[in-house]
Each structure stands twice: as structure tokens, then as C-alpha cells.
């Protein structure tokens, strides 16, 4: 979905990605619009799904999630039912922060956060290994975070 965005919309998006708690008046001042015009533009960006979600980013470590794992999952065969069931299941697992269908050696890559190795072992044995069609699971453990951005690059 490529949406034509003018310079005001792009500027609004750039500012909101940096500070989602900014007031509408402050946003309007920074973009150079009236408060009402700015509010209408943000509302349209919301309605079109360009602004996907208003949220706060929380430190996983502050809540005891000390282990980040990149999990590569391969299904036994590429049957649509197994793929659909897998995708639906991982959407319900709070430990899974991201899931991508990928090309290459695996069918899916998951970004999983858990408290420790025992919690990861439970996650695998109670959830992933119980899904039909799962053939292989390979885990890569993050040693440290180098970069973790949420902002989409925007040309102003």
C-alpha cells in the first residue's frame, strides 16, 4: 500500500514516531498547521491505517524478560492448513513479539522474549513443539542489543 503523503503528513508521522505523547497543539506548531487542520490530518492517517497503533515502548529487562531469542521454524510440508494453524497459534503467544514468514532455510522467524532459559524451554515444549506440522526449530540467542528502532525512515 503506497499512500501519497504530502510534506505535512510526512512531517506529522516523523514527529509522532519520535514522540507519540506530543499534544496536538505542539504537533501543529512544529508542522506549521492550525490545531484543527493538524488534528484532521492525524485522524485521516489513523483511519487509513497509516498510523497503525499508539503505544508506549517498555524495557523488557525492567519486567524481567532477560532473554531474547530469534527462532527459525520449519514446517514438515507446505500445507496451507498447517501454515494457517501455526500463524494463528503464534499470534496468541505473548512471548512472540514478531513473526515473519520468510524464504530460505526456515518458513518462519519469530522474535521471542522470555525471562530465562527455563521459560524458553517451557515455551518450546508446551507451545511450539505441540503445533502440527512443525519439523525443525533452530534458536539463536541475542547476546546484546545493538540497534532496536521502531521508527520508519521518512524523507521530509
C-alpha atoms as a PDB file:
ATOM      1  CA  UNK A   1       0.000   0.000   0.000  1.00  0.00           C
ATOM      2  CA  UNK A   2       1.791   3.090  -1.204  1.00  0.00           C
ATOM      3  CA  UNK A   3      -0.034   6.147   0.001  1.00  0.00           C
ATOM      4  CA  UNK A   4       0.649   9.606  -1.408  1.00  0.00           C
ATOM      5  CA  UNK A   5       1.616  11.732   1.553  1.00  0.00           C
ATOM      6  CA  UNK A   6       2.377  15.425   1.336  1.00  0.00           C
ATOM      7  CA  UNK A   7       5.102  17.138   3.331  1.00  0.00           C
ATOM      8  CA  UNK A   8       2.741  17.919   6.225  1.00  0.00           C
ATOM      9  CA  UNK A   9       1.656  14.298   6.605  1.00  0.00           C
ATOM     10  CA  UNK A  10       5.275  13.107   6.425  1.00  0.00           C
ATOM     11  CA  UNK A  11       6.353  15.668   8.998  1.00  0.00           C
ATOM     12  CA  UNK A  12       3.477  14.643  11.303  1.00  0.00           C
ATOM     13  CA  UNK A  13       4.498  10.996  11.010  1.00  0.00           C
ATOM     14  CA  UNK A  14       8.154  11.750  11.713  1.00  0.00           C
ATOM     15  CA  UNK A  15       7.292  13.726  14.835  1.00  0.00           C
ATOM     16  CA  UNK A  16       4.782  11.181  16.147  1.00  0.00           C
ATOM     17  CA  UNK A  17       7.288   8.349  15.713  1.00  0.00           C
ATOM     18  CA  UNK A  18       9.717  10.291  17.882  1.00  0.00           C
ATOM     19  CA  UNK A  19       7.169  11.413  20.488  1.00  0.00           C
ATOM     20  CA  UNK A  20       3.746   9.785  20.440  1.00  0.00           C
ATOM     21  CA  UNK A  21       2.683  11.728  23.543  1.00  0.00           C
ATOM     22  CA  UNK A  22       3.090  15.156  21.966  1.00  0.00           C
ATOM     23  CA  UNK A  23      -0.019  17.319  22.273  1.00  0.00           C
ATOM     24  CA  UNK A  24      -1.943  18.169  19.129  1.00  0.00           C
ATOM     25  CA  UNK A  25      -1.140  21.861  19.644  1.00  0.00           C
ATOM     26  CA  UNK A  26       2.593  21.189  19.917  1.00  0.00           C
ATOM     27  CA  UNK A  27       2.435  18.939  16.860  1.00  0.00           C
ATOM     28  CA  UNK A  28       0.558  21.595  14.883  1.00  0.00           C
ATOM     29  CA  UNK A  29       3.099  24.240  15.884  1.00  0.00           C
ATOM     30  CA  UNK A  30       6.042  22.081  14.808  1.00  0.00           C
ATOM     31  CA  UNK A  31       4.434  21.168  11.480  1.00  0.00           C
ATOM     32  CA  UNK A  32       3.151  24.667  10.727  1.00  0.00           C
ATOM     33  CA  UNK A  33      -0.590  23.948  10.671  1.00  0.00           C
ATOM     34  CA  UNK A  34      -3.556  25.093  12.702  1.00  0.00           C
ATOM     35  CA  UNK A  35      -4.545  22.814  15.543  1.00  0.00           C
ATOM     36  CA  UNK A  36      -7.787  21.799  13.780  1.00  0.00           C
ATOM     37  CA  UNK A  37      -6.060  21.054  10.461  1.00  0.00           C
ATOM     38  CA  UNK A  38      -3.382  19.006  12.222  1.00  0.00           C
ATOM     39  CA  UNK A  39      -5.998  17.017  14.173  1.00  0.00           C
ATOM     40  CA  UNK A  40      -7.904  16.257  10.944  1.00  0.00           C
ATOM     41  CA  UNK A  41      -4.736  15.019   9.264  1.00  0.00           C
ATOM     42  CA  UNK A  42      -3.848  12.758  12.196  1.00  0.00           C
ATOM     43  CA  UNK A  43      -7.409  11.411  12.185  1.00  0.00           C
ATOM     44  CA  UNK A  44      -7.161  10.580   8.456  1.00  0.00           C
ATOM     45  CA  UNK A  45      -3.761   8.914   8.976  1.00  0.00           C
ATOM     46  CA  UNK A  46      -5.378   6.799  11.709  1.00  0.00           C
ATOM     47  CA  UNK A  47      -8.430   5.911   9.600  1.00  0.00           C
ATOM     48  CA  UNK A  48      -6.308   4.891   6.601  1.00  0.00           C
ATOM     49  CA  UNK A  49      -4.192   2.617   8.804  1.00  0.00           C
ATOM     50  CA  UNK A  50      -1.020   4.587   8.133  1.00  0.00           C
ATOM     51  CA  UNK A  51      -0.769   5.182  11.857  1.00  0.00           C
ATOM     52  CA  UNK A  52      -1.088   1.574  12.965  1.00  0.00           C
ATOM     53  CA  UNK A  53      -1.046   1.914  16.724  1.00  0.00           C
ATOM     54  CA  UNK A  54      -0.483   4.413  19.523  1.00  0.00           C
ATOM     55  CA  UNK A  55       1.661   2.739  22.141  1.00  0.00           C
ATOM     56  CA  UNK A  56       4.456   3.040  24.695  1.00  0.00           C
ATOM     57  CA  UNK A  57       7.739   1.151  24.388  1.00  0.00           C
ATOM     58  CA  UNK A  58       8.620  -0.729  27.577  1.00  0.00           C
ATOM     59  CA  UNK A  59      12.032  -2.080  28.535  1.00  0.00           C
ATOM     60  CA  UNK A  60      11.758  -5.905  28.567  1.00  0.00           C
ATOM     61  CA  UNK A  61      14.513  -6.117  31.176  1.00  0.00           C
ATOM     62  CA  UNK A  62      12.543  -3.867  33.530  1.00  0.00           C
ATOM     63  CA  UNK A  63       9.877  -6.580  33.612  1.00  0.00           C
ATOM     64  CA  UNK A  64      12.289  -9.482  33.925  1.00  0.00           C
ATOM     65  CA  UNK A  65      12.461 -10.530  30.276  1.00  0.00           C
ATOM     66  CA  UNK A  66      16.199 -11.067  30.060  1.00  0.00           C
ATOM     67  CA  UNK A  67      16.318 -13.499  27.139  1.00  0.00           C
ATOM     68  CA  UNK A  68      15.627 -12.580  23.513  1.00  0.00           C
ATOM     69  CA  UNK A  69      15.582 -15.472  21.062  1.00  0.00           C
ATOM     70  CA  UNK A  70      15.337 -15.495  17.278  1.00  0.00           C
ATOM     71  CA  UNK A  71      13.586 -18.749  16.463  1.00  0.00           C
ATOM     72  CA  UNK A  72      13.621 -20.273  12.979  1.00  0.00           C
ATOM     73  CA  UNK A  73      10.727 -22.688  12.452  1.00  0.00           C
ATOM     74  CA  UNK A  74      10.406 -25.068   9.520  1.00  0.00           C
ATOM     75  CA  UNK A  75       7.170 -26.893   8.777  1.00  0.00           C
ATOM     76  CA  UNK A  76       7.134 -30.532   7.635  1.00  0.00           C
ATOM     77  CA  UNK A  77       5.329 -29.742   4.430  1.00  0.00           C
ATOM     78  CA  UNK A  78       3.929 -26.638   2.930  1.00  0.00           C
ATOM     79  CA  UNK A  79       0.268 -27.358   3.525  1.00  0.00           C
ATOM     80  CA  UNK A  80      -1.947 -24.348   3.918  1.00  0.00           C
ATOM     81  CA  UNK A  81      -3.792 -25.768   6.935  1.00  0.00           C
ATOM     82  CA  UNK A  82      -0.568 -26.260   8.921  1.00  0.00           C
ATOM     83  CA  UNK A  83       0.645 -22.785   7.993  1.00  0.00           C
ATOM     84  CA  UNK A  84      -2.646 -21.155   8.963  1.00  0.00           C
ATOM     85  CA  UNK A  85      -2.784 -23.048  12.257  1.00  0.00           C
ATOM     86  CA  UNK A  86       0.827 -22.098  13.037  1.00  0.00           C
ATOM     87  CA  UNK A  87       0.217 -18.425  12.256  1.00  0.00           C
ATOM     88  CA  UNK A  88      -2.952 -18.292  14.349  1.00  0.00           C
ATOM     89  CA  UNK A  89      -1.271 -20.001  17.277  1.00  0.00           C
ATOM     90  CA  UNK A  90       1.773 -17.715  17.420  1.00  0.00           C
ATOM     91  CA  UNK A  91      -0.483 -14.662  17.313  1.00  0.00           C
ATOM     92  CA  UNK A  92      -1.859 -15.816  20.650  1.00  0.00           C
ATOM     93  CA  UNK A  93       1.534 -16.324  22.294  1.00  0.00           C
ATOM     94  CA  UNK A  94       2.506 -13.197  24.257  1.00  0.00           C
ATOM     95  CA  UNK A  95       6.171 -14.261  24.225  1.00  0.00           C
ATOM     96  CA  UNK A  96       6.237 -13.854  20.435  1.00  0.00           C
ATOM     97  CA  UNK A  97       6.806 -10.183  19.680  1.00  0.00           C
ATOM     98  CA  UNK A  98       7.243 -10.620  15.945  1.00  0.00           C
ATOM     99  CA  UNK A  99       6.630 -13.391  13.428  1.00  0.00           C
ATOM    100  CA  UNK A 100       7.719 -13.291   9.807  1.00  0.00           C
ATOM    101  CA  UNK A 101       7.055 -15.775   7.015  1.00  0.00           C
ATOM    102  CA  UNK A 102      10.421 -15.966   5.263  1.00  0.00           C
ATOM    103  CA  UNK A 103      12.281 -17.512   2.376  1.00  0.00           C
ATOM    104  CA  UNK A 104      15.403 -19.598   2.821  1.00  0.00           C
ATOM    105  CA  UNK A 105      16.137 -22.406   5.246  1.00  0.00           C
ATOM    106  CA  UNK A 106      13.151 -21.757   7.522  1.00  0.00           C
ATOM    107  CA  UNK A 107       9.494 -20.979   6.931  1.00  0.00           C
ATOM    108  CA  UNK A 108       9.111 -18.567   9.859  1.00  0.00           C
ATOM    109  CA  UNK A 109      11.312 -16.407  12.047  1.00  0.00           C
ATOM    110  CA  UNK A 110       9.995 -15.444  15.476  1.00  0.00           C
ATOM    111  CA  UNK A 111      11.364 -12.883  17.898  1.00  0.00           C
ATOM    112  CA  UNK A 112      10.604 -14.255  21.344  1.00  0.00           C
ATOM    113  CA  UNK A 113      11.257 -12.749  24.772  1.00  0.00           C
ATOM    114  CA  UNK A 114      11.209 -14.800  27.966  1.00  0.00           C
ATOM    115  CA  UNK A 115      12.549 -14.455  31.484  1.00  0.00           C
ATOM    116  CA  UNK A 116      15.214 -17.152  31.277  1.00  0.00           C
ATOM    117  CA  UNK A 117      16.284 -20.422  29.659  1.00  0.00           C
ATOM    118  CA  UNK A 118      13.791 -22.468  31.693  1.00  0.00           C
ATOM    119  CA  UNK A 119      10.952 -20.263  30.433  1.00  0.00           C
ATOM    120  CA  UNK A 120      12.192 -20.705  26.863  1.00  0.00           C
ATOM    121  CA  UNK A 121      12.330 -24.486  27.321  1.00  0.00           C
ATOM    122  CA  UNK A 122       8.707 -24.408  28.538  1.00  0.00           C
ATOM    123  CA  UNK A 123       7.689 -22.175  25.625  1.00  0.00           C
ATOM    124  CA  UNK A 124       9.176 -24.630  23.125  1.00  0.00           C
ATOM    125  CA  UNK A 125       7.832 -27.790  24.760  1.00  0.00           C
ATOM    126  CA  UNK A 126       4.364 -26.543  25.662  1.00  0.00           C
ATOM    127  CA  UNK A 127       3.658 -24.372  22.641  1.00  0.00           C
ATOM    128  CA  UNK A 128       5.866 -24.637  19.565  1.00  0.00           C
ATOM    129  CA  UNK A 129       6.580 -28.381  19.630  1.00  0.00           C
ATOM    130  CA  UNK A 130       2.862 -29.094  20.093  1.00  0.00           C
ATOM    131  CA  UNK A 131       1.852 -27.358  16.874  1.00  0.00           C
ATOM    132  CA  UNK A 132       1.054 -29.686  13.984  1.00  0.00           C
ATOM    133  CA  UNK A 133       3.430 -29.574  11.063  1.00  0.00           C
ATOM    134  CA  UNK A 134       6.466 -28.263  12.948  1.00  0.00           C
ATOM    135  CA  UNK A 135       9.506 -30.096  11.613  1.00  0.00           C
ATOM    136  CA  UNK A 136      12.516 -28.175  12.854  1.00  0.00           C
ATOM    137  CA  UNK A 137      13.229 -25.382  15.307  1.00  0.00           C
ATOM    138  CA  UNK A 138      16.546 -23.561  15.489  1.00  0.00           C
ATOM    139  CA  UNK A 139      17.248 -20.953  18.140  1.00  0.00           C
ATOM    140  CA  UNK A 140      19.659 -18.031  18.112  1.00  0.00           C
ATOM    141  CA  UNK A 141      20.074 -16.222  21.417  1.00  0.00           C
ATOM    142  CA  UNK A 142      20.685 -12.483  21.410  1.00  0.00           C
ATOM    143  CA  UNK A 143      23.824 -11.647  23.358  1.00  0.00           C
ATOM    144  CA  UNK A 144      23.166  -7.910  23.433  1.00  0.00           C
ATOM    145  CA  UNK A 145      21.029  -5.421  21.589  1.00  0.00           C
ATOM    146  CA  UNK A 146      22.943  -3.273  19.115  1.00  0.00           C
ATOM    147  CA  UNK A 147      20.021  -1.481  17.484  1.00  0.00           C
ATOM    148  CA  UNK A 148      16.279  -1.671  18.025  1.00  0.00           C
ATOM    149  CA  UNK A 149      14.333   1.015  16.235  1.00  0.00           C
ATOM    150  CA  UNK A 150      10.607   1.276  15.654  1.00  0.00           C
ATOM    151  CA  UNK A 151      10.601   4.419  13.507  1.00  0.00           C
ATOM    152  CA  UNK A 152      10.109   4.018   9.768  1.00  0.00           C
ATOM    153  CA  UNK A 153      12.514   6.249   7.790  1.00  0.00           C
ATOM    154  CA  UNK A 154      10.665   9.244   6.359  1.00  0.00           C
ATOM    155  CA  UNK A 155      12.007  11.600   3.708  1.00  0.00           C
ATOM    156  CA  UNK A 156      10.834  15.086   4.578  1.00  0.00           C
END
